[in-house]
Amino acid sequence: MADKQISLPAKLINGGIAGLIGVTCVFPIDLAKTRLQNQQNGSRLYTSMSDCLIKTIQSEGYFGMYRGAAVNLTLVTPEKAIKLAANDFFRQHLSKDGQKLSLLREMLAGCGAGTCQVIITTPMEMLKIQLQDAGRIGERWVEEGERRLYAQRKLMSQAAVRVPGGPVELRSHTAMQLTRELLRSQGIAGLYKGQGATLLRDVPFSIIYFPLFANLNSLGGCGADGPAPFYVSFASGCIAGSTAAVAVNPVDVIKTRIQTMTRGSQEDTYGGVTDCIRKILRQEGPSAFLKGAYCRALVIAPLFGIAQVVYFLGVGEFLLSFLPQQNN
C-alpha cells in the first residue's frame, strides 16, 4: 500500500465502501467455499463450486446464495476499515523519515493489521458460517426422500447448536437469534469461538498480502513518488490477495470446521485446532485442507482488488470534502 498521507476518517470510509462493494460481488462464491469446506466423508453433496451454486439456486432460489450476507454487509465496513487503516498506521510508524520499508517491517505492519481486524472478523465469520452452512445440511436430505427432508427442516428451524457447556436451543435460525442465544448462554466468548484459528489465518494472510501488494504496486508507479494507476492497484490487489488466500487455506478450513455449530449425524465435532487437524488427517487425508481453495482465491482476489482501487481513488477524501469545514 502506498505510503501517502490520508486522514483516519477517509481511511475508514475507503475501507468500508470497498468492503461493501466487494462482498456484494463475491458473496455467492464465499457461500460455496464454506459449504465445500464443511463437507466431510460420508456427507458429500457438492462436487465443485459450480455444482454447489446450481444446487443452492435449485433448492433455495437465487437469494439462497446470499445466506448470511446481511451479517457480512453489516460488519465488513468496520472489518475492512480496521484492516486497511491499521496497516497504514503501522507502516507509517515503522517508516524511518518516509523511506521505503524493509520487507521485515512490511511484514510486521501486516501482522499488526491482521491482529487488529480479528476483533471484528471472528464474530462476523462465526455468525456468517452458521447461516451459510444451514442450507448445506438441509439440502443433503433433499436427495434422501421427503420424510427425512421434513425432519431436517424442522431441525434447522429449531437447531440444537452443539457448543461447550451444553446445547443452545434456537427458535429461529437468524443472526440476531443466534447472537442473543450465544450471549445469553456463554457471554461474549460465544461469539469469539474459533478466535485462535482466526488469528492463525488472518495474521499470516496479512503478513503475506500487504508486503506483496506494496511491492507489486510499486512496480507500476508513475515516477519515483507518483502513485500507480488504478488498474495496477487492482491487479496487484488481486494477485496478492489470491496468493495469500491459497497460502492460508488450510487454516481457513480448520477455522470453518471449528466455528460450524450445527452438523449432520455422521459429521465430526472438534475440540480445538489440534483436535481438528488430527481428525481431518485421520478421516479425510491432507487433501482436505485444500477444500475451497479455488473458491477462496476467487473471493479474495476481486475483494482486495476492489478495496485497493477504492482506497487509492480517494473516495473517502472526496466524500469528506462535502462536509462543512470548521473555522479555526
C-alpha atoms as a PDB file:
ATOM      1  CA  MET A   1       0.000   0.000   0.000  1.00  0.00           C
ATOM      2  CA  ALA A   2       1.384   3.326  -0.935  1.00  0.00           C
ATOM      3  CA  ASP A   3       2.568   5.387   1.983  1.00  0.00           C
ATOM      4  CA  LYS A   4       0.549   8.508   1.264  1.00  0.00           C
ATOM      5  CA  GLN A   5      -0.950  10.704   3.972  1.00  0.00           C
ATOM      6  CA  ILE A   6      -4.681  10.109   4.311  1.00  0.00           C
ATOM      7  CA  SER A   7      -6.781  11.165   7.268  1.00  0.00           C
ATOM      8  CA  LEU A   8      -8.150   8.435   9.527  1.00  0.00           C
ATOM      9  CA  PRO A   9     -11.825   9.205   8.700  1.00  0.00           C
ATOM     10  CA  ALA A  10     -11.021   8.939   4.986  1.00  0.00           C
ATOM     11  CA  LYS A  11      -9.256   5.616   5.548  1.00  0.00           C
ATOM     12  CA  LEU A  12     -12.286   4.259   7.391  1.00  0.00           C
ATOM     13  CA  ILE A  13     -14.678   5.401   4.663  1.00  0.00           C
ATOM     14  CA  ASN A  14     -12.471   3.946   1.927  1.00  0.00           C
ATOM     15  CA  GLY A  15     -12.186   0.611   3.686  1.00  0.00           C
ATOM     16  CA  GLY A  16     -15.896   0.445   4.426  1.00  0.00           C
ATOM     17  CA  ILE A  17     -17.046   1.262   0.886  1.00  0.00           C
ATOM     18  CA  ALA A  18     -14.538  -1.166  -0.595  1.00  0.00           C
ATOM     19  CA  GLY A  19     -15.774  -3.936   1.685  1.00  0.00           C
ATOM     20  CA  LEU A  20     -19.438  -3.343   0.831  1.00  0.00           C
ATOM     21  CA  ILE A  21     -18.808  -3.396  -2.919  1.00  0.00           C
ATOM     22  CA  GLY A  22     -16.507  -6.400  -2.762  1.00  0.00           C
ATOM     23  CA  VAL A  23     -18.754  -8.542  -0.554  1.00  0.00           C
ATOM     24  CA  THR A  24     -21.798  -7.849  -2.730  1.00  0.00           C
ATOM     25  CA  CYS A  25     -19.920  -9.036  -5.814  1.00  0.00           C
ATOM     26  CA  VAL A  26     -18.334 -12.216  -4.464  1.00  0.00           C
ATOM     27  CA  PHE A  27     -20.569 -13.425  -1.623  1.00  0.00           C
ATOM     28  CA  PRO A  28     -22.107 -16.394  -3.544  1.00  0.00           C
ATOM     29  CA  ILE A  29     -18.613 -17.772  -4.126  1.00  0.00           C
ATOM     30  CA  ASP A  30     -17.863 -17.359  -0.421  1.00  0.00           C
ATOM     31  CA  LEU A  31     -21.003 -19.343   0.405  1.00  0.00           C
ATOM     32  CA  ALA A  32     -19.829 -22.146  -1.918  1.00  0.00           C
ATOM     33  CA  LYS A  33     -16.431 -22.092  -0.187  1.00  0.00           C
ATOM     34  CA  THR A  34     -17.984 -22.547   3.251  1.00  0.00           C
ATOM     35  CA  ARG A  35     -20.197 -25.433   2.154  1.00  0.00           C
ATOM     36  CA  LEU A  36     -17.378 -27.192   0.313  1.00  0.00           C
ATOM     37  CA  GLN A  37     -15.036 -26.849   3.300  1.00  0.00           C
ATOM     38  CA  ASN A  38     -17.646 -28.277   5.663  1.00  0.00           C
ATOM     39  CA  GLN A  39     -18.257 -31.411   3.595  1.00  0.00           C
ATOM     40  CA  GLN A  40     -16.937 -34.475   5.387  1.00  0.00           C
ATOM     41  CA  ASN A  41     -16.592 -38.039   4.163  1.00  0.00           C
ATOM     42  CA  GLY A  42     -19.995 -39.716   4.148  1.00  0.00           C
ATOM     43  CA  SER A  43     -21.893 -36.435   3.829  1.00  0.00           C
ATOM     44  CA  ARG A  44     -20.765 -35.050   0.495  1.00  0.00           C
ATOM     45  CA  LEU A  45     -23.329 -33.203  -1.584  1.00  0.00           C
ATOM     46  CA  TYR A  46     -21.314 -30.923  -3.884  1.00  0.00           C
ATOM     47  CA  THR A  47     -18.657 -31.866  -6.408  1.00  0.00           C
ATOM     48  CA  SER A  48     -17.469 -28.344  -7.249  1.00  0.00           C
ATOM     49  CA  MET A  49     -18.171 -24.651  -6.787  1.00  0.00           C
ATOM     50  CA  SER A  50     -20.500 -24.500  -9.798  1.00  0.00           C
ATOM     51  CA  ASP A  51     -22.349 -27.627  -8.640  1.00  0.00           C
ATOM     52  CA  CYS A  52     -22.821 -26.036  -5.218  1.00  0.00           C
ATOM     53  CA  LEU A  53     -24.213 -22.794  -6.656  1.00  0.00           C
ATOM     54  CA  ILE A  54     -26.550 -24.613  -9.049  1.00  0.00           C
ATOM     55  CA  LYS A  55     -27.961 -26.827  -6.289  1.00  0.00           C
ATOM     56  CA  THR A  56     -28.298 -23.823  -3.996  1.00  0.00           C
ATOM     57  CA  ILE A  57     -30.358 -21.948  -6.581  1.00  0.00           C
ATOM     58  CA  GLN A  58     -32.482 -25.013  -7.302  1.00  0.00           C
ATOM     59  CA  SER A  59     -33.337 -25.650  -3.664  1.00  0.00           C
ATOM     60  CA  GLU A  60     -33.261 -22.151  -2.152  1.00  0.00           C
ATOM     61  CA  GLY A  61     -33.706 -19.758  -5.045  1.00  0.00           C
ATOM     62  CA  TYR A  62     -31.375 -17.005  -6.214  1.00  0.00           C
ATOM     63  CA  PHE A  63     -31.271 -15.263  -2.848  1.00  0.00           C
ATOM     64  CA  GLY A  64     -30.217 -18.522  -1.228  1.00  0.00           C
ATOM     65  CA  MET A  65     -26.722 -17.695  -2.488  1.00  0.00           C
ATOM     66  CA  TYR A  66     -26.761 -14.677  -0.175  1.00  0.00           C
ATOM     67  CA  ARG A  67     -27.437 -16.525   3.095  1.00  0.00           C
ATOM     68  CA  GLY A  68     -25.542 -14.624   5.770  1.00  0.00           C
ATOM     69  CA  ALA A  69     -24.815 -11.662   3.505  1.00  0.00           C
ATOM     70  CA  ALA A  70     -26.536  -9.244   5.891  1.00  0.00           C
ATOM     71  CA  VAL A  71     -24.036 -10.143   8.622  1.00  0.00           C
ATOM     72  CA  ASN A  72     -21.114  -9.569   6.282  1.00  0.00           C
ATOM     73  CA  LEU A  73     -22.501  -6.325   4.877  1.00  0.00           C
ATOM     74  CA  THR A  74     -23.063  -5.024   8.394  1.00  0.00           C
ATOM     75  CA  LEU A  75     -19.657  -5.916   9.796  1.00  0.00           C
ATOM     76  CA  VAL A  76     -17.425  -5.798   6.721  1.00  0.00           C
ATOM     77  CA  THR A  77     -17.259  -1.995   6.901  1.00  0.00           C
ATOM     78  CA  PRO A  78     -15.541  -1.871  10.308  1.00  0.00           C
ATOM     79  CA  GLU A  79     -13.524  -5.004   9.490  1.00  0.00           C
ATOM     80  CA  LYS A  80     -12.012  -3.716   6.245  1.00  0.00           C
ATOM     81  CA  ALA A  81     -11.673  -0.224   7.676  1.00  0.00           C
ATOM     82  CA  ILE A  82      -9.687  -1.547  10.637  1.00  0.00           C
ATOM     83  CA  LYS A  83      -7.541  -3.784   8.418  1.00  0.00           C
ATOM     84  CA  LEU A  84      -6.560  -1.103   5.906  1.00  0.00           C
ATOM     85  CA  ALA A  85      -6.234   1.723   8.429  1.00  0.00           C
ATOM     86  CA  ALA A  86      -4.205  -0.410  10.857  1.00  0.00           C
ATOM     87  CA  ASN A  87      -1.790  -1.467   8.132  1.00  0.00           C
ATOM     88  CA  ASP A  88      -1.289   2.174   7.124  1.00  0.00           C
ATOM     89  CA  PHE A  89      -0.841   3.158  10.782  1.00  0.00           C
ATOM     90  CA  PHE A  90       1.836   0.540  11.404  1.00  0.00           C
ATOM     91  CA  ARG A  91       3.608   1.300   8.130  1.00  0.00           C
ATOM     92  CA  GLN A  92       3.824   4.975   8.979  1.00  0.00           C
ATOM     93  CA  HIS A  93       5.164   4.316  12.477  1.00  0.00           C
ATOM     94  CA  LEU A  94       7.668   1.747  11.238  1.00  0.00           C
ATOM     95  CA  SER A  95       8.911   4.027   8.472  1.00  0.00           C
ATOM     96  CA  LYS A  96      12.107   5.962   9.038  1.00  0.00           C
ATOM     97  CA  ASP A  97      11.856   9.519   7.684  1.00  0.00           C
ATOM     98  CA  GLY A  98       9.483   8.439   4.933  1.00  0.00           C
ATOM     99  CA  GLN A  99      11.941   5.911   3.493  1.00  0.00           C
ATOM    100  CA  LYS A 100      10.814   2.686   1.865  1.00  0.00           C
ATOM    101  CA  LEU A 101      10.091  -0.026   4.411  1.00  0.00           C
ATOM    102  CA  SER A 102      12.217  -3.125   4.562  1.00  0.00           C
ATOM    103  CA  LEU A 103      10.473  -6.434   3.912  1.00  0.00           C
ATOM    104  CA  LEU A 104      10.627  -7.303   7.612  1.00  0.00           C
ATOM    105  CA  ARG A 105       8.951  -4.030   8.607  1.00  0.00           C
ATOM    106  CA  GLU A 106       6.287  -4.528   5.933  1.00  0.00           C
ATOM    107  CA  MET A 107       5.571  -7.967   7.372  1.00  0.00           C
ATOM    108  CA  LEU A 108       5.385  -6.525  10.890  1.00  0.00           C
ATOM    109  CA  ALA A 109       2.875  -3.920   9.713  1.00  0.00           C
ATOM    110  CA  GLY A 110       0.784  -6.643   8.085  1.00  0.00           C
ATOM    111  CA  CYS A 111       0.967  -8.712  11.266  1.00  0.00           C
ATOM    112  CA  GLY A 112      -0.366  -5.773  13.264  1.00  0.00           C
ATOM    113  CA  ALA A 113      -3.204  -5.214  10.817  1.00  0.00           C
ATOM    114  CA  GLY A 114      -4.212  -8.883  10.873  1.00  0.00           C
ATOM    115  CA  THR A 115      -4.204  -8.942  14.663  1.00  0.00           C
ATOM    116  CA  CYS A 116      -6.385  -5.838  14.938  1.00  0.00           C
ATOM    117  CA  GLN A 117      -9.037  -6.985  12.479  1.00  0.00           C
ATOM    118  CA  VAL A 118      -9.756 -10.195  14.428  1.00  0.00           C
ATOM    119  CA  ILE A 119     -11.802  -8.088  16.851  1.00  0.00           C
ATOM    120  CA  ILE A 120     -14.478  -7.821  14.147  1.00  0.00           C
ATOM    121  CA  THR A 121     -13.633 -10.785  11.921  1.00  0.00           C
ATOM    122  CA  THR A 122     -14.225 -13.538  14.486  1.00  0.00           C
ATOM    123  CA  PRO A 123     -17.864 -12.755  15.386  1.00  0.00           C
ATOM    124  CA  MET A 124     -18.628 -11.852  11.764  1.00  0.00           C
ATOM    125  CA  GLU A 125     -17.324 -15.188  10.490  1.00  0.00           C
ATOM    126  CA  MET A 126     -18.941 -17.066  13.365  1.00  0.00           C
ATOM    127  CA  LEU A 127     -22.433 -15.812  12.501  1.00  0.00           C
ATOM    128  CA  LYS A 128     -21.954 -15.914   8.731  1.00  0.00           C
ATOM    129  CA  ILE A 129     -20.818 -19.540   8.698  1.00  0.00           C
ATOM    130  CA  GLN A 130     -23.900 -20.730  10.608  1.00  0.00           C
ATOM    131  CA  LEU A 131     -26.217 -19.093   8.076  1.00  0.00           C
ATOM    132  CA  GLN A 132     -24.216 -20.162   5.030  1.00  0.00           C
ATOM    133  CA  ASP A 133     -23.997 -23.782   6.126  1.00  0.00           C
ATOM    134  CA  ALA A 134     -27.661 -24.153   7.117  1.00  0.00           C
ATOM    135  CA  GLY A 135     -28.711 -24.773   3.525  1.00  0.00           C
ATOM    136  CA  ARG A 136     -25.995 -27.407   3.035  1.00  0.00           C
ATOM    137  CA  ILE A 137     -27.332 -29.504   5.885  1.00  0.00           C
ATOM    138  CA  GLY A 138     -30.897 -29.070   4.694  1.00  0.00           C
ATOM    139  CA  GLU A 139     -30.141 -29.844   1.051  1.00  0.00           C
ATOM    140  CA  ARG A 140     -28.380 -33.095   1.883  1.00  0.00           C
ATOM    141  CA  TRP A 141     -31.727 -34.568   2.900  1.00  0.00           C
ATOM    142  CA  VAL A 142     -33.472 -33.482  -0.311  1.00  0.00           C
ATOM    143  CA  GLU A 143     -31.816 -36.357  -2.128  1.00  0.00           C
ATOM    144  CA  GLU A 144     -32.847 -38.859   0.546  1.00  0.00           C
ATOM    145  CA  GLY A 145     -36.661 -38.550   0.480  1.00  0.00           C
ATOM    146  CA  GLU A 146     -39.487 -36.324   1.641  1.00  0.00           C
ATOM    147  CA  ARG A 147     -39.881 -37.722   5.167  1.00  0.00           C
ATOM    148  CA  ARG A 148     -36.254 -37.050   6.046  1.00  0.00           C
ATOM    149  CA  LEU A 149     -36.425 -33.673   4.333  1.00  0.00           C
ATOM    150  CA  TYR A 150     -39.223 -32.657   6.725  1.00  0.00           C
ATOM    151  CA  ALA A 151     -37.317 -33.905   9.745  1.00  0.00           C
ATOM    152  CA  GLN A 152     -34.194 -31.994   8.778  1.00  0.00           C
ATOM    153  CA  ARG A 153     -36.073 -28.781   8.001  1.00  0.00           C
ATOM    154  CA  LYS A 154     -37.641 -28.994  11.426  1.00  0.00           C
ATOM    155  CA  LEU A 155     -34.174 -29.446  12.911  1.00  0.00           C
ATOM    156  CA  MET A 156     -32.907 -26.357  11.135  1.00  0.00           C
ATOM    157  CA  SER A 157     -35.831 -24.224  12.375  1.00  0.00           C
ATOM    158  CA  GLN A 158     -35.174 -25.409  15.933  1.00  0.00           C
ATOM    159  CA  ALA A 159     -31.459 -26.034  15.670  1.00  0.00           C
ATOM    160  CA  ALA A 160     -29.604 -27.557  18.596  1.00  0.00           C
ATOM    161  CA  VAL A 161     -26.210 -25.924  18.444  1.00  0.00           C
ATOM    162  CA  ARG A 162     -23.526 -28.105  19.983  1.00  0.00           C
ATOM    163  CA  VAL A 163     -21.126 -25.905  21.886  1.00  0.00           C
ATOM    164  CA  PRO A 164     -19.007 -26.348  25.008  1.00  0.00           C
ATOM    165  CA  GLY A 165     -21.191 -26.216  28.076  1.00  0.00           C
ATOM    166  CA  GLY A 166     -24.308 -27.737  26.528  1.00  0.00           C
ATOM    167  CA  PRO A 167     -26.604 -27.168  23.549  1.00  0.00           C
ATOM    168  CA  VAL A 168     -28.077 -23.795  22.696  1.00  0.00           C
ATOM    169  CA  GLU A 169     -31.680 -24.127  21.539  1.00  0.00           C
ATOM    170  CA  LEU A 170     -32.558 -21.757  18.706  1.00  0.00           C
ATOM    171  CA  ARG A 171     -36.183 -20.976  17.930  1.00  0.00           C
ATOM    172  CA  SER A 172     -35.292 -19.442  14.580  1.00  0.00           C
ATOM    173  CA  HIS A 173     -32.159 -19.702  12.522  1.00  0.00           C
ATOM    174  CA  THR A 174     -31.334 -15.995  12.200  1.00  0.00           C
ATOM    175  CA  ALA A 175     -28.236 -13.980  13.003  1.00  0.00           C
ATOM    176  CA  MET A 176     -29.997 -11.981  15.713  1.00  0.00           C
ATOM    177  CA  GLN A 177     -31.428 -15.098  17.357  1.00  0.00           C
ATOM    178  CA  LEU A 178     -28.076 -16.849  17.250  1.00  0.00           C
ATOM    179  CA  THR A 179     -26.367 -13.798  18.726  1.00  0.00           C
ATOM    180  CA  ARG A 180     -28.847 -13.479  21.564  1.00  0.00           C
ATOM    181  CA  GLU A 181     -28.666 -17.169  22.454  1.00  0.00           C
ATOM    182  CA  LEU A 182     -24.871 -17.232  22.429  1.00  0.00           C
ATOM    183  CA  LEU A 183     -24.655 -14.093  24.563  1.00  0.00           C
ATOM    184  CA  ARG A 184     -27.248 -15.458  26.976  1.00  0.00           C
ATOM    185  CA  SER A 185     -25.617 -18.875  27.411  1.00  0.00           C
ATOM    186  CA  GLN A 186     -21.901 -18.129  27.060  1.00  0.00           C
ATOM    187  CA  GLY A 187     -21.459 -14.385  27.149  1.00  0.00           C
ATOM    188  CA  ILE A 188     -19.246 -12.566  24.684  1.00  0.00           C
ATOM    189  CA  ALA A 189     -16.973 -15.631  24.462  1.00  0.00           C
ATOM    190  CA  GLY A 190     -19.692 -17.411  22.488  1.00  0.00           C
ATOM    191  CA  LEU A 191     -19.245 -15.005  19.581  1.00  0.00           C
ATOM    192  CA  TYR A 192     -15.481 -15.473  19.690  1.00  0.00           C
ATOM    193  CA  LYS A 193     -15.406 -19.223  19.277  1.00  0.00           C
ATOM    194  CA  GLY A 194     -12.545 -20.049  16.911  1.00  0.00           C
ATOM    195  CA  GLN A 195     -10.659 -16.833  17.614  1.00  0.00           C
ATOM    196  CA  GLY A 196      -7.363 -18.712  17.816  1.00  0.00           C
ATOM    197  CA  ALA A 197      -7.919 -20.269  14.390  1.00  0.00           C
ATOM    198  CA  THR A 198      -8.964 -16.868  13.022  1.00  0.00           C
ATOM    199  CA  LEU A 199      -5.707 -15.361  14.273  1.00  0.00           C
ATOM    200  CA  LEU A 200      -3.752 -18.232  12.731  1.00  0.00           C
ATOM    201  CA  ARG A 201      -5.426 -17.442   9.406  1.00  0.00           C
ATOM    202  CA  ASP A 202      -5.580 -13.646   9.337  1.00  0.00           C
ATOM    203  CA  VAL A 203      -2.142 -12.796  10.725  1.00  0.00           C
ATOM    204  CA  PRO A 204      -0.215 -14.913   8.157  1.00  0.00           C
ATOM    205  CA  PHE A 205      -2.604 -13.691   5.453  1.00  0.00           C
ATOM    206  CA  SER A 206      -1.770 -10.059   6.226  1.00  0.00           C
ATOM    207  CA  ILE A 207       1.946 -10.813   6.551  1.00  0.00           C
ATOM    208  CA  ILE A 208       1.864 -12.220   3.006  1.00  0.00           C
ATOM    209  CA  TYR A 209      -0.679  -9.883   1.446  1.00  0.00           C
ATOM    210  CA  PHE A 210       0.415  -6.377   2.399  1.00  0.00           C
ATOM    211  CA  PRO A 211       4.145  -6.646   1.554  1.00  0.00           C
ATOM    212  CA  LEU A 212       3.355  -8.488  -1.684  1.00  0.00           C
ATOM    213  CA  PHE A 213       0.785  -5.883  -2.687  1.00  0.00           C
ATOM    214  CA  ALA A 214       3.065  -2.963  -1.834  1.00  0.00           C
ATOM    215  CA  ASN A 215       5.922  -4.352  -3.919  1.00  0.00           C
ATOM    216  CA  LEU A 216       3.733  -5.324  -6.876  1.00  0.00           C
ATOM    217  CA  ASN A 217       2.002  -1.948  -6.800  1.00  0.00           C
ATOM    218  CA  SER A 218       5.316  -0.083  -6.710  1.00  0.00           C
ATOM    219  CA  LEU A 219       6.342  -1.737  -9.981  1.00  0.00           C
ATOM    220  CA  GLY A 220       3.630   0.227 -11.783  1.00  0.00           C
ATOM    221  CA  GLY A 221       4.266   3.585 -10.126  1.00  0.00           C
ATOM    222  CA  CYS A 222       4.436   6.749 -12.229  1.00  0.00           C
ATOM    223  CA  GLY A 223       7.858   8.090 -11.448  1.00  0.00           C
ATOM    224  CA  ALA A 224       9.702   7.970  -8.158  1.00  0.00           C
ATOM    225  CA  ASP A 225       6.859   9.237  -5.969  1.00  0.00           C
ATOM    226  CA  GLY A 226       3.853   9.009  -8.236  1.00  0.00           C
ATOM    227  CA  PRO A 227       1.009   6.649  -7.399  1.00  0.00           C
ATOM    228  CA  ALA A 228       0.357   3.590  -9.514  1.00  0.00           C
ATOM    229  CA  PRO A 229      -2.587   3.727 -11.962  1.00  0.00           C
ATOM    230  CA  PHE A 230      -5.835   2.286 -10.635  1.00  0.00           C
ATOM    231  CA  TYR A 231      -5.593  -0.787 -12.863  1.00  0.00           C
ATOM    232  CA  VAL A 232      -2.164  -1.588 -11.423  1.00  0.00           C
ATOM    233  CA  SER A 233      -3.558  -1.300  -7.894  1.00  0.00           C
ATOM    234  CA  PHE A 234      -6.461  -3.554  -8.867  1.00  0.00           C
ATOM    235  CA  ALA A 235      -4.213  -6.194 -10.450  1.00  0.00           C
ATOM    236  CA  SER A 236      -1.766  -6.027  -7.535  1.00  0.00           C
ATOM    237  CA  GLY A 237      -4.602  -6.458  -5.044  1.00  0.00           C
ATOM    238  CA  CYS A 238      -5.977  -9.436  -6.964  1.00  0.00           C
ATOM    239  CA  ILE A 239      -2.620 -11.204  -7.284  1.00  0.00           C
ATOM    240  CA  ALA A 240      -1.544 -10.553  -3.696  1.00  0.00           C
ATOM    241  CA  GLY A 241      -4.988 -11.448  -2.334  1.00  0.00           C
ATOM    242  CA  SER A 242      -5.333 -14.742  -4.188  1.00  0.00           C
ATOM    243  CA  THR A 243      -1.761 -15.761  -3.323  1.00  0.00           C
ATOM    244  CA  ALA A 244      -2.254 -15.102   0.376  1.00  0.00           C
ATOM    245  CA  ALA A 245      -5.693 -16.742   0.344  1.00  0.00           C
ATOM    246  CA  VAL A 246      -4.420 -20.029  -1.071  1.00  0.00           C
ATOM    247  CA  ALA A 247      -1.412 -19.994   1.264  1.00  0.00           C
ATOM    248  CA  VAL A 248      -3.595 -19.868   4.392  1.00  0.00           C
ATOM    249  CA  ASN A 249      -6.475 -22.003   3.093  1.00  0.00           C
ATOM    250  CA  PRO A 250      -5.609 -24.997   5.355  1.00  0.00           C
ATOM    251  CA  VAL A 251      -6.137 -22.782   8.401  1.00  0.00           C
ATOM    252  CA  ASP A 252      -9.337 -21.418   6.874  1.00  0.00           C
ATOM    253  CA  VAL A 253     -10.680 -24.972   6.605  1.00  0.00           C
ATOM    254  CA  ILE A 254      -9.842 -25.546  10.282  1.00  0.00           C
ATOM    255  CA  LYS A 255     -11.485 -22.256  11.289  1.00  0.00           C
ATOM    256  CA  THR A 256     -14.644 -23.035   9.315  1.00  0.00           C
ATOM    257  CA  ARG A 257     -14.964 -26.515  10.837  1.00  0.00           C
ATOM    258  CA  ILE A 258     -14.438 -25.239  14.395  1.00  0.00           C
ATOM    259  CA  GLN A 259     -16.922 -22.395  14.035  1.00  0.00           C
ATOM    260  CA  THR A 260     -19.665 -24.538  12.485  1.00  0.00           C
ATOM    261  CA  MET A 261     -22.024 -25.447  15.311  1.00  0.00           C
ATOM    262  CA  THR A 262     -24.769 -27.489  13.594  1.00  0.00           C
ATOM    263  CA  ARG A 263     -23.724 -30.751  11.954  1.00  0.00           C
ATOM    264  CA  GLY A 264     -25.139 -33.879  10.405  1.00  0.00           C
ATOM    265  CA  SER A 265     -25.267 -37.051  12.475  1.00  0.00           C
ATOM    266  CA  GLN A 266     -22.237 -38.544  10.681  1.00  0.00           C
ATOM    267  CA  GLU A 267     -20.075 -35.433  10.867  1.00  0.00           C
ATOM    268  CA  ASP A 268     -17.238 -34.916  13.352  1.00  0.00           C
ATOM    269  CA  THR A 269     -17.163 -32.243  16.024  1.00  0.00           C
ATOM    270  CA  TYR A 270     -13.908 -30.612  17.093  1.00  0.00           C
ATOM    271  CA  GLY A 271     -12.486 -29.591  20.439  1.00  0.00           C
ATOM    272  CA  GLY A 272      -9.923 -27.139  19.119  1.00  0.00           C
ATOM    273  CA  VAL A 273      -7.312 -26.524  16.441  1.00  0.00           C
ATOM    274  CA  THR A 274      -5.163 -29.556  17.306  1.00  0.00           C
ATOM    275  CA  ASP A 275      -8.152 -31.886  17.559  1.00  0.00           C
ATOM    276  CA  CYS A 276      -9.491 -30.591  14.244  1.00  0.00           C
ATOM    277  CA  ILE A 277      -6.182 -31.155  12.449  1.00  0.00           C
ATOM    278  CA  ARG A 278      -5.881 -34.679  13.828  1.00  0.00           C
ATOM    279  CA  LYS A 279      -9.423 -35.706  12.867  1.00  0.00           C
ATOM    280  CA  ILE A 280      -9.233 -34.218   9.378  1.00  0.00           C
ATOM    281  CA  LEU A 281      -5.946 -36.003   8.675  1.00  0.00           C
ATOM    282  CA  ARG A 282      -7.291 -39.306  10.000  1.00  0.00           C
ATOM    283  CA  GLN A 283     -10.720 -39.185   8.353  1.00  0.00           C
ATOM    284  CA  GLU A 284     -10.108 -37.261   5.108  1.00  0.00           C
ATOM    285  CA  GLY A 285      -6.384 -37.016   4.470  1.00  0.00           C
ATOM    286  CA  PRO A 286      -4.136 -33.977   3.774  1.00  0.00           C
ATOM    287  CA  SER A 287      -6.043 -33.011   0.615  1.00  0.00           C
ATOM    288  CA  ALA A 288      -8.998 -31.941   2.787  1.00  0.00           C
ATOM    289  CA  PHE A 289      -7.035 -28.858   3.831  1.00  0.00           C
ATOM    290  CA  LEU A 290      -7.247 -27.625   0.234  1.00  0.00           C
ATOM    291  CA  LYS A 291     -11.047 -27.733   0.149  1.00  0.00           C
ATOM    292  CA  GLY A 292     -12.457 -24.440  -1.086  1.00  0.00           C
ATOM    293  CA  ALA A 293      -9.028 -23.044  -2.037  1.00  0.00           C
ATOM    294  CA  TYR A 294     -10.175 -22.232  -5.573  1.00  0.00           C
ATOM    295  CA  CYS A 295     -13.310 -20.520  -4.257  1.00  0.00           C
ATOM    296  CA  ARG A 296     -11.358 -18.613  -1.631  1.00  0.00           C
ATOM    297  CA  ALA A 297      -8.943 -17.297  -4.251  1.00  0.00           C
ATOM    298  CA  LEU A 298     -11.900 -16.173  -6.394  1.00  0.00           C
ATOM    299  CA  VAL A 299     -13.406 -14.429  -3.375  1.00  0.00           C
ATOM    300  CA  ILE A 300     -10.302 -12.680  -2.077  1.00  0.00           C
ATOM    301  CA  ALA A 301      -8.809 -11.594  -5.414  1.00  0.00           C
ATOM    302  CA  PRO A 302     -11.592  -9.205  -6.519  1.00  0.00           C
ATOM    303  CA  LEU A 303     -12.397  -8.276  -2.918  1.00  0.00           C
ATOM    304  CA  PHE A 304      -8.943  -6.866  -2.293  1.00  0.00           C
ATOM    305  CA  GLY A 305      -8.552  -5.605  -5.852  1.00  0.00           C
ATOM    306  CA  ILE A 306     -11.694  -3.525  -5.420  1.00  0.00           C
ATOM    307  CA  ALA A 307     -10.578  -2.459  -1.954  1.00  0.00           C
ATOM    308  CA  GLN A 308      -7.281  -1.099  -3.224  1.00  0.00           C
ATOM    309  CA  VAL A 309      -8.884   0.739  -6.157  1.00  0.00           C
ATOM    310  CA  VAL A 310     -11.414   2.446  -3.867  1.00  0.00           C
ATOM    311  CA  TYR A 311      -8.668   3.211  -1.388  1.00  0.00           C
ATOM    312  CA  PHE A 312      -6.338   4.781  -3.909  1.00  0.00           C
ATOM    313  CA  LEU A 313      -9.032   6.641  -5.835  1.00  0.00           C
ATOM    314  CA  GLY A 314      -9.588   8.549  -2.618  1.00  0.00           C
ATOM    315  CA  VAL A 315     -13.342   8.048  -2.371  1.00  0.00           C
ATOM    316  CA  GLY A 316     -13.211   8.804   1.345  1.00  0.00           C
ATOM    317  CA  GLU A 317     -11.445  12.124   0.824  1.00  0.00           C
ATOM    318  CA  PHE A 318     -13.957  13.021  -1.889  1.00  0.00           C
ATOM    319  CA  LEU A 319     -16.939  12.367   0.373  1.00  0.00           C
ATOM    320  CA  LEU A 320     -15.361  14.218   3.289  1.00  0.00           C
ATOM    321  CA  SER A 321     -14.864  17.267   1.061  1.00  0.00           C
ATOM    322  CA  PHE A 322     -18.630  17.817   1.103  1.00  0.00           C
ATOM    323  CA  LEU A 323     -18.688  18.195   4.872  1.00  0.00           C
ATOM    324  CA  PRO A 324     -18.609  21.770   6.197  1.00  0.00           C
ATOM    325  CA  GLN A 325     -15.145  22.809   7.294  1.00  0.00           C
ATOM    326  CA  GLN A 326     -14.731  24.124  10.831  1.00  0.00           C
ATOM    327  CA  ASN A 327     -13.146  27.522  11.150  1.00  0.00           C
ATOM    328  CA  ASN A 328     -10.235  27.694  13.494  1.00  0.00           C
END
